[in-house]
mmCIF file of all heavy atoms, coordinates in Angstrom:
data_MODEL
# 
_entry.id   MODEL 
# 
loop_
_atom_site.group_PDB 
_atom_site.id 
_atom_site.type_symbol 
_atom_site.label_atom_id 
_atom_site.label_alt_id 
_atom_site.label_comp_id 
_atom_site.label_asym_id 
_atom_site.label_entity_id 
_atom_site.label_seq_id 
_atom_site.pdbx_PDB_ins_code 
_atom_site.Cartn_x 
_atom_site.Cartn_y 
_atom_site.Cartn_z 
_atom_site.occupancy 
_atom_site.B_iso_or_equiv 
_atom_site.pdbx_formal_charge 
_atom_site.auth_seq_id 
_atom_site.auth_comp_id 
_atom_site.auth_asym_id 
_atom_site.auth_atom_id 
_atom_site.pdbx_PDB_model_num 
ATOM 1   N N   . LEU A 1 1  ? -9.160  -6.689  -8.252  1.00 0.00 ? 1  LEU A N   1 
ATOM 2   C CA  . LEU A 1 1  ? -8.689  -7.416  -7.081  1.00 0.00 ? 1  LEU A CA  1 
ATOM 3   C C   . LEU A 1 1  ? -7.580  -6.680  -6.345  1.00 0.00 ? 1  LEU A C   1 
ATOM 4   O O   . LEU A 1 1  ? -7.467  -6.837  -5.108  1.00 0.00 ? 1  LEU A O   1 
ATOM 5   C CB  . LEU A 1 1  ? -8.168  -8.820  -7.538  1.00 0.00 ? 1  LEU A CB  1 
ATOM 6   C CG  . LEU A 1 1  ? -9.230  -9.758  -8.036  1.00 0.00 ? 1  LEU A CG  1 
ATOM 7   C CD1 . LEU A 1 1  ? -8.582  -11.100 -8.420  1.00 0.00 ? 1  LEU A CD1 1 
ATOM 8   C CD2 . LEU A 1 1  ? -10.311 -9.983  -7.008  1.00 0.00 ? 1  LEU A CD2 1 
ATOM 9   N N   . GLY A 1 2  ? -6.751  -5.960  -7.043  1.00 0.00 ? 2  GLY A N   1 
ATOM 10  C CA  . GLY A 1 2  ? -5.682  -5.235  -6.404  1.00 0.00 ? 2  GLY A CA  1 
ATOM 11  C C   . GLY A 1 2  ? -4.430  -6.092  -6.227  1.00 0.00 ? 2  GLY A C   1 
ATOM 12  O O   . GLY A 1 2  ? -3.926  -6.181  -5.093  1.00 0.00 ? 2  GLY A O   1 
ATOM 13  N N   . VAL A 1 3  ? -3.963  -6.683  -7.296  1.00 0.00 ? 3  VAL A N   1 
ATOM 14  C CA  . VAL A 1 3  ? -2.760  -7.512  -7.216  1.00 0.00 ? 3  VAL A CA  1 
ATOM 15  C C   . VAL A 1 3  ? -1.784  -7.107  -8.361  1.00 0.00 ? 3  VAL A C   1 
ATOM 16  O O   . VAL A 1 3  ? -2.215  -6.528  -9.351  1.00 0.00 ? 3  VAL A O   1 
ATOM 17  C CB  . VAL A 1 3  ? -3.057  -9.005  -7.341  1.00 0.00 ? 3  VAL A CB  1 
ATOM 18  C CG1 . VAL A 1 3  ? -3.879  -9.504  -6.151  1.00 0.00 ? 3  VAL A CG1 1 
ATOM 19  C CG2 . VAL A 1 3  ? -3.772  -9.312  -8.658  1.00 0.00 ? 3  VAL A CG2 1 
ATOM 20  N N   . VAL A 1 4  ? -0.528  -7.435  -8.185  1.00 0.00 ? 4  VAL A N   1 
ATOM 21  C CA  . VAL A 1 4  ? 0.456   -7.299  -9.228  1.00 0.00 ? 4  VAL A CA  1 
ATOM 22  C C   . VAL A 1 4  ? 0.816   -8.718  -9.676  1.00 0.00 ? 4  VAL A C   1 
ATOM 23  O O   . VAL A 1 4  ? 1.191   -9.557  -8.852  1.00 0.00 ? 4  VAL A O   1 
ATOM 24  C CB  . VAL A 1 4  ? 1.726   -6.558  -8.751  1.00 0.00 ? 4  VAL A CB  1 
ATOM 25  C CG1 . VAL A 1 4  ? 2.789   -6.561  -9.841  1.00 0.00 ? 4  VAL A CG1 1 
ATOM 26  C CG2 . VAL A 1 4  ? 1.381   -5.176  -8.339  1.00 0.00 ? 4  VAL A CG2 1 
ATOM 27  N N   . LEU A 1 5  ? 0.696   -8.970  -10.989 1.00 0.00 ? 5  LEU A N   1 
ATOM 28  C CA  . LEU A 1 5  ? 0.958   -10.306 -11.532 1.00 0.00 ? 5  LEU A CA  1 
ATOM 29  C C   . LEU A 1 5  ? 2.186   -10.320 -12.349 1.00 0.00 ? 5  LEU A C   1 
ATOM 30  O O   . LEU A 1 5  ? 2.574   -9.352  -12.988 1.00 0.00 ? 5  LEU A O   1 
ATOM 31  C CB  . LEU A 1 5  ? -0.184  -10.763 -12.433 1.00 0.00 ? 5  LEU A CB  1 
ATOM 32  C CG  . LEU A 1 5  ? -1.569  -10.955 -11.827 1.00 0.00 ? 5  LEU A CG  1 
ATOM 33  C CD1 . LEU A 1 5  ? -2.546  -11.343 -12.892 1.00 0.00 ? 5  LEU A CD1 1 
ATOM 34  C CD2 . LEU A 1 5  ? -1.492  -12.008 -10.760 1.00 0.00 ? 5  LEU A CD2 1 
ATOM 35  N N   . ASN A 1 6  ? 2.891   -11.482 -12.346 1.00 0.00 ? 6  ASN A N   1 
ATOM 36  C CA  . ASN A 1 6  ? 3.930   -11.743 -13.378 1.00 0.00 ? 6  ASN A CA  1 
ATOM 37  C C   . ASN A 1 6  ? 3.194   -12.185 -14.631 1.00 0.00 ? 6  ASN A C   1 
ATOM 38  O O   . ASN A 1 6  ? 2.512   -13.199 -14.629 1.00 0.00 ? 6  ASN A O   1 
ATOM 39  C CB  . ASN A 1 6  ? 4.858   -12.851 -12.886 1.00 0.00 ? 6  ASN A CB  1 
ATOM 40  C CG  . ASN A 1 6  ? 6.024   -13.048 -13.839 1.00 0.00 ? 6  ASN A CG  1 
ATOM 41  O OD1 . ASN A 1 6  ? 5.782   -13.419 -15.004 1.00 0.00 ? 6  ASN A OD1 1 
ATOM 42  N ND2 . ASN A 1 6  ? 7.219   -12.854 -13.355 1.00 0.00 ? 6  ASN A ND2 1 
ATOM 43  N N   . ALA A 1 7  ? 3.321   -11.398 -15.688 1.00 0.00 ? 7  ALA A N   1 
ATOM 44  C CA  . ALA A 1 7  ? 2.567   -11.670 -16.913 1.00 0.00 ? 7  ALA A CA  1 
ATOM 45  C C   . ALA A 1 7  ? 2.937   -12.996 -17.561 1.00 0.00 ? 7  ALA A C   1 
ATOM 46  O O   . ALA A 1 7  ? 2.144   -13.534 -18.313 1.00 0.00 ? 7  ALA A O   1 
ATOM 47  C CB  . ALA A 1 7  ? 2.747   -10.532 -17.906 1.00 0.00 ? 7  ALA A CB  1 
ATOM 48  N N   . ALA A 1 8  ? 4.132   -13.487 -17.291 1.00 0.00 ? 8  ALA A N   1 
ATOM 49  C CA  . ALA A 1 8  ? 4.568   -14.736 -17.904 1.00 0.00 ? 8  ALA A CA  1 
ATOM 50  C C   . ALA A 1 8  ? 4.022   -15.958 -17.137 1.00 0.00 ? 8  ALA A C   1 
ATOM 51  O O   . ALA A 1 8  ? 3.645   -16.953 -17.778 1.00 0.00 ? 8  ALA A O   1 
ATOM 52  C CB  . ALA A 1 8  ? 6.093   -14.821 -17.949 1.00 0.00 ? 8  ALA A CB  1 
ATOM 53  N N   . THR A 1 9  ? 3.950   -15.883 -15.824 1.00 0.00 ? 9  THR A N   1 
ATOM 54  C CA  . THR A 1 9  ? 3.550   -17.027 -15.036 1.00 0.00 ? 9  THR A CA  1 
ATOM 55  C C   . THR A 1 9  ? 2.118   -16.892 -14.468 1.00 0.00 ? 9  THR A C   1 
ATOM 56  O O   . THR A 1 9  ? 1.585   -17.887 -13.954 1.00 0.00 ? 9  THR A O   1 
ATOM 57  C CB  . THR A 1 9  ? 4.511   -17.275 -13.890 1.00 0.00 ? 9  THR A CB  1 
ATOM 58  O OG1 . THR A 1 9  ? 4.434   -16.144 -12.958 1.00 0.00 ? 9  THR A OG1 1 
ATOM 59  C CG2 . THR A 1 9  ? 5.917   -17.406 -14.384 1.00 0.00 ? 9  THR A CG2 1 
ATOM 60  N N   . MET A 1 10 ? 1.575   -15.696 -14.454 1.00 0.00 ? 10 MET A N   1 
ATOM 61  C CA  . MET A 1 10 ? 0.243   -15.417 -13.865 1.00 0.00 ? 10 MET A CA  1 
ATOM 62  C C   . MET A 1 10 ? 0.230   -15.760 -12.385 1.00 0.00 ? 10 MET A C   1 
ATOM 63  O O   . MET A 1 10 ? -0.797  -16.207 -11.855 1.00 0.00 ? 10 MET A O   1 
ATOM 64  C CB  . MET A 1 10 ? -0.843  -16.200 -14.583 1.00 0.00 ? 10 MET A CB  1 
ATOM 65  C CG  . MET A 1 10 ? -0.923  -15.905 -16.079 1.00 0.00 ? 10 MET A CG  1 
ATOM 66  S SD  . MET A 1 10 ? -0.983  -14.121 -16.413 1.00 0.00 ? 10 MET A SD  1 
ATOM 67  C CE  . MET A 1 10 ? -1.000  -14.117 -18.189 1.00 0.00 ? 10 MET A CE  1 
ATOM 68  N N   . VAL A 1 11 ? 1.334   -15.562 -11.736 1.00 0.00 ? 11 VAL A N   1 
ATOM 69  C CA  . VAL A 1 11 ? 1.432   -15.758 -10.280 1.00 0.00 ? 11 VAL A CA  1 
ATOM 70  C C   . VAL A 1 11 ? 1.402   -14.375 -9.634  1.00 0.00 ? 11 VAL A C   1 
ATOM 71  O O   . VAL A 1 11 ? 1.951   -13.421 -10.131 1.00 0.00 ? 11 VAL A O   1 
ATOM 72  C CB  . VAL A 1 11 ? 2.753   -16.465 -9.906  1.00 0.00 ? 11 VAL A CB  1 
ATOM 73  C CG1 . VAL A 1 11 ? 2.962   -16.490 -8.397  1.00 0.00 ? 11 VAL A CG1 1 
ATOM 74  C CG2 . VAL A 1 11 ? 2.750   -17.896 -10.468 1.00 0.00 ? 11 VAL A CG2 1 
ATOM 75  N N   . VAL A 1 12 ? 0.725   -14.276 -8.459  1.00 0.00 ? 12 VAL A N   1 
ATOM 76  C CA  . VAL A 1 12 ? 0.619   -13.020 -7.771  1.00 0.00 ? 12 VAL A CA  1 
ATOM 77  C C   . VAL A 1 12 ? 1.996   -12.613 -7.232  1.00 0.00 ? 12 VAL A C   1 
ATOM 78  O O   . VAL A 1 12 ? 2.633   -13.357 -6.485  1.00 0.00 ? 12 VAL A O   1 
ATOM 79  C CB  . VAL A 1 12 ? -0.370  -13.149 -6.564  1.00 0.00 ? 12 VAL A CB  1 
ATOM 80  C CG1 . VAL A 1 12 ? -0.399  -11.848 -5.774  1.00 0.00 ? 12 VAL A CG1 1 
ATOM 81  C CG2 . VAL A 1 12 ? -1.759  -13.477 -7.100  1.00 0.00 ? 12 VAL A CG2 1 
ATOM 82  N N   . GLU A 1 13 ? 2.446   -11.411 -7.613  1.00 0.00 ? 13 GLU A N   1 
ATOM 83  C CA  . GLU A 1 13 ? 3.726   -10.900 -7.150  1.00 0.00 ? 13 GLU A CA  1 
ATOM 84  C C   . GLU A 1 13 ? 3.513   -10.036 -5.900  1.00 0.00 ? 13 GLU A C   1 
ATOM 85  O O   . GLU A 1 13 ? 4.335   -10.129 -4.964  1.00 0.00 ? 13 GLU A O   1 
ATOM 86  C CB  . GLU A 1 13 ? 4.366   -10.057 -8.242  1.00 0.00 ? 13 GLU A CB  1 
ATOM 87  C CG  . GLU A 1 13 ? 4.683   -10.830 -9.508  1.00 0.00 ? 13 GLU A CG  1 
ATOM 88  C CD  . GLU A 1 13 ? 6.112   -11.331 -9.532  1.00 0.00 ? 13 GLU A CD  1 
ATOM 89  O OE1 . GLU A 1 13 ? 6.964   -10.717 -8.891  1.00 0.00 ? 13 GLU A OE1 1 
ATOM 90  O OE2 . GLU A 1 13 ? 6.355   -12.348 -10.224 1.00 0.00 ? 13 GLU A OE2 1 
ATOM 91  N N   . GLN A 1 14 ? 2.469   -9.233  -5.885  1.00 0.00 ? 14 GLN A N   1 
ATOM 92  C CA  . GLN A 1 14 ? 2.208   -8.341  -4.775  1.00 0.00 ? 14 GLN A CA  1 
ATOM 93  C C   . GLN A 1 14 ? 0.695   -8.260  -4.539  1.00 0.00 ? 14 GLN A C   1 
ATOM 94  O O   . GLN A 1 14 ? -0.075  -8.424  -5.492  1.00 0.00 ? 14 GLN A O   1 
ATOM 95  C CB  . GLN A 1 14 ? 2.759   -6.948  -5.014  1.00 0.00 ? 14 GLN A CB  1 
ATOM 96  C CG  . GLN A 1 14 ? 4.287   -6.888  -5.208  1.00 0.00 ? 14 GLN A CG  1 
ATOM 97  C CD  . GLN A 1 14 ? 4.707   -5.481  -5.529  1.00 0.00 ? 14 GLN A CD  1 
ATOM 98  O OE1 . GLN A 1 14 ? 4.009   -4.503  -5.215  1.00 0.00 ? 14 GLN A OE1 1 
ATOM 99  N NE2 . GLN A 1 14 ? 5.864   -5.344  -6.180  1.00 0.00 ? 14 GLN A NE2 1 
ATOM 100 N N   . VAL A 1 15 ? 0.325   -7.955  -3.311  1.00 0.00 ? 15 VAL A N   1 
ATOM 101 C CA  . VAL A 1 15 ? -1.060  -7.733  -2.953  1.00 0.00 ? 15 VAL A CA  1 
ATOM 102 C C   . VAL A 1 15 ? -1.149  -6.360  -2.314  1.00 0.00 ? 15 VAL A C   1 
ATOM 103 O O   . VAL A 1 15 ? -0.443  -6.071  -1.354  1.00 0.00 ? 15 VAL A O   1 
ATOM 104 C CB  . VAL A 1 15 ? -1.586  -8.791  -1.966  1.00 0.00 ? 15 VAL A CB  1 
ATOM 105 C CG1 . VAL A 1 15 ? -3.054  -8.503  -1.569  1.00 0.00 ? 15 VAL A CG1 1 
ATOM 106 C CG2 . VAL A 1 15 ? -1.499  -10.207 -2.642  1.00 0.00 ? 15 VAL A CG2 1 
ATOM 107 N N   . ARG A 1 16 ? -1.992  -5.504  -2.842  1.00 0.00 ? 16 ARG A N   1 
ATOM 108 C CA  . ARG A 1 16 ? -2.125  -4.122  -2.331  1.00 0.00 ? 16 ARG A CA  1 
ATOM 109 C C   . ARG A 1 16 ? -2.874  -4.147  -1.000  1.00 0.00 ? 16 ARG A C   1 
ATOM 110 O O   . ARG A 1 16 ? -3.894  -4.789  -0.832  1.00 0.00 ? 16 ARG A O   1 
ATOM 111 C CB  . ARG A 1 16 ? -2.832  -3.263  -3.321  1.00 0.00 ? 16 ARG A CB  1 
ATOM 112 C CG  . ARG A 1 16 ? -2.027  -3.006  -4.581  1.00 0.00 ? 16 ARG A CG  1 
ATOM 113 C CD  . ARG A 1 16 ? -2.848  -2.134  -5.537  1.00 0.00 ? 16 ARG A CD  1 
ATOM 114 N NE  . ARG A 1 16 ? -2.005  -1.724  -6.657  1.00 0.00 ? 16 ARG A NE  1 
ATOM 115 C CZ  . ARG A 1 16 ? -2.468  -1.012  -7.698  1.00 0.00 ? 16 ARG A CZ  1 
ATOM 116 N NH1 . ARG A 1 16 ? -3.756  -0.672  -7.724  1.00 0.00 ? 16 ARG A NH1 1 
ATOM 117 N NH2 . ARG A 1 16 ? -1.662  -0.686  -8.678  1.00 0.00 ? 16 ARG A NH2 1 
ATOM 118 N N   . GLN A 1 17 ? -2.334  -3.352  -0.071  1.00 0.00 ? 17 GLN A N   1 
ATOM 119 C CA  . GLN A 1 17 ? -3.012  -3.210  1.230   1.00 0.00 ? 17 GLN A CA  1 
ATOM 120 C C   . GLN A 1 17 ? -4.393  -2.629  1.040   1.00 0.00 ? 17 GLN A C   1 
ATOM 121 O O   . GLN A 1 17 ? -4.586  -1.700  0.298   1.00 0.00 ? 17 GLN A O   1 
ATOM 122 C CB  . GLN A 1 17 ? -2.170  -2.326  2.149   1.00 0.00 ? 17 GLN A CB  1 
ATOM 123 C CG  . GLN A 1 17 ? -0.866  -2.963  2.576   1.00 0.00 ? 17 GLN A CG  1 
ATOM 124 C CD  . GLN A 1 17 ? -0.149  -2.116  3.607   1.00 0.00 ? 17 GLN A CD  1 
ATOM 125 O OE1 . GLN A 1 17 ? -0.530  -0.965  3.888   1.00 0.00 ? 17 GLN A OE1 1 
ATOM 126 N NE2 . GLN A 1 17 ? 0.937   -2.670  4.199   1.00 0.00 ? 17 GLN A NE2 1 
ATOM 127 N N   . GLY A 1 18 ? -5.357  -3.182  1.767   1.00 0.00 ? 18 GLY A N   1 
ATOM 128 C CA  . GLY A 1 18 ? -6.732  -2.637  1.728   1.00 0.00 ? 18 GLY A CA  1 
ATOM 129 C C   . GLY A 1 18 ? -7.486  -3.073  0.559   1.00 0.00 ? 18 GLY A C   1 
ATOM 130 O O   . GLY A 1 18 ? -8.687  -2.707  0.420   1.00 0.00 ? 18 GLY A O   1 
ATOM 131 N N   . SER A 1 19 ? -6.938  -3.861  -0.357  1.00 0.00 ? 19 SER A N   1 
ATOM 132 C CA  . SER A 1 19 ? -7.636  -4.284  -1.560  1.00 0.00 ? 19 SER A CA  1 
ATOM 133 C C   . SER A 1 19 ? -8.498  -5.501  -1.304  1.00 0.00 ? 19 SER A C   1 
ATOM 134 O O   . SER A 1 19 ? -8.439  -6.094  -0.224  1.00 0.00 ? 19 SER A O   1 
ATOM 135 C CB  . SER A 1 19 ? -6.616  -4.630  -2.653  1.00 0.00 ? 19 SER A CB  1 
ATOM 136 O OG  . SER A 1 19 ? -5.865  -5.796  -2.258  1.00 0.00 ? 19 SER A OG  1 
ATOM 137 N N   . ILE A 1 20 ? -9.351  -5.809  -2.256  1.00 0.00 ? 20 ILE A N   1 
ATOM 138 C CA  . ILE A 1 20 ? -10.182 -7.044  -2.155  1.00 0.00 ? 20 ILE A CA  1 
ATOM 139 C C   . ILE A 1 20 ? -9.267  -8.226  -1.976  1.00 0.00 ? 20 ILE A C   1 
ATOM 140 O O   . ILE A 1 20 ? -9.531  -9.132  -1.183  1.00 0.00 ? 20 ILE A O   1 
ATOM 141 C CB  . ILE A 1 20 ? -11.047 -7.201  -3.394  1.00 0.00 ? 20 ILE A CB  1 
ATOM 142 C CG1 . ILE A 1 20 ? -12.174 -6.157  -3.390  1.00 0.00 ? 20 ILE A CG1 1 
ATOM 143 C CG2 . ILE A 1 20 ? -11.656 -8.594  -3.433  1.00 0.00 ? 20 ILE A CG2 1 
ATOM 144 C CD1 . ILE A 1 20 ? -13.067 -6.253  -4.605  1.00 0.00 ? 20 ILE A CD1 1 
ATOM 145 N N   . ALA A 1 21 ? -8.195  -8.279  -2.768  1.00 0.00 ? 21 ALA A N   1 
ATOM 146 C CA  . ALA A 1 21 ? -7.260  -9.441  -2.684  1.00 0.00 ? 21 ALA A CA  1 
ATOM 147 C C   . ALA A 1 21 ? -6.757  -9.615  -1.246  1.00 0.00 ? 21 ALA A C   1 
ATOM 148 O O   . ALA A 1 21 ? -6.659  -10.707 -0.756  1.00 0.00 ? 21 ALA A O   1 
ATOM 149 C CB  . ALA A 1 21 ? -6.134  -9.242  -3.661  1.00 0.00 ? 21 ALA A CB  1 
ATOM 150 N N   . ALA A 1 22 ? -6.371  -8.503  -0.604  1.00 0.00 ? 22 ALA A N   1 
ATOM 151 C CA  . ALA A 1 22 ? -5.858  -8.563  0.753   1.00 0.00 ? 22 ALA A CA  1 
ATOM 152 C C   . ALA A 1 22 ? -6.968  -9.017  1.716   1.00 0.00 ? 22 ALA A C   1 
ATOM 153 O O   . ALA A 1 22 ? -6.717  -9.809  2.620   1.00 0.00 ? 22 ALA A O   1 
ATOM 154 C CB  . ALA A 1 22 ? -5.299  -7.211  1.190   1.00 0.00 ? 22 ALA A CB  1 
ATOM 155 N N   . THR A 1 23 ? -8.158  -8.542  1.525   1.00 0.00 ? 23 THR A N   1 
ATOM 156 C CA  . THR A 1 23 ? -9.278  -8.840  2.401   1.00 0.00 ? 23 THR A CA  1 
ATOM 157 C C   . THR A 1 23 ? -9.665  -10.337 2.343   1.00 0.00 ? 23 THR A C   1 
ATOM 158 O O   . THR A 1 23 ? -9.921  -10.942 3.370   1.00 0.00 ? 23 THR A O   1 
ATOM 159 C CB  . THR A 1 23 ? -10.480 -8.004  2.044   1.00 0.00 ? 23 THR A CB  1 
ATOM 160 O OG1 . THR A 1 23 ? -10.128 -6.643  2.155   1.00 0.00 ? 23 THR A OG1 1 
ATOM 161 C CG2 . THR A 1 23 ? -11.644 -8.272  3.039   1.00 0.00 ? 23 THR A CG2 1 
ATOM 162 N N   . ILE A 1 24 ? -9.633  -10.934 1.143   1.00 0.00 ? 24 ILE A N   1 
ATOM 163 C CA  . ILE A 1 24 ? -10.017 -12.331 1.046   1.00 0.00 ? 24 ILE A CA  1 
ATOM 164 C C   . ILE A 1 24 ? -8.866  -13.288 1.318   1.00 0.00 ? 24 ILE A C   1 
ATOM 165 O O   . ILE A 1 24 ? -9.026  -14.492 1.325   1.00 0.00 ? 24 ILE A O   1 
ATOM 166 C CB  . ILE A 1 24 ? -10.607 -12.644 -0.333  1.00 0.00 ? 24 ILE A CB  1 
ATOM 167 C CG1 . ILE A 1 24 ? -9.575  -12.535 -1.452  1.00 0.00 ? 24 ILE A CG1 1 
ATOM 168 C CG2 . ILE A 1 24 ? -11.813 -11.775 -0.617  1.00 0.00 ? 24 ILE A CG2 1 
ATOM 169 C CD1 . ILE A 1 24 ? -10.065 -12.967 -2.805  1.00 0.00 ? 24 ILE A CD1 1 
# 
């Protein structure tokens, strides 16, 4: 997906530009 997660909370910390995550 292209994201950075906080491993404790499983919340998206960052979304990489041009990634699937950014596109959706």
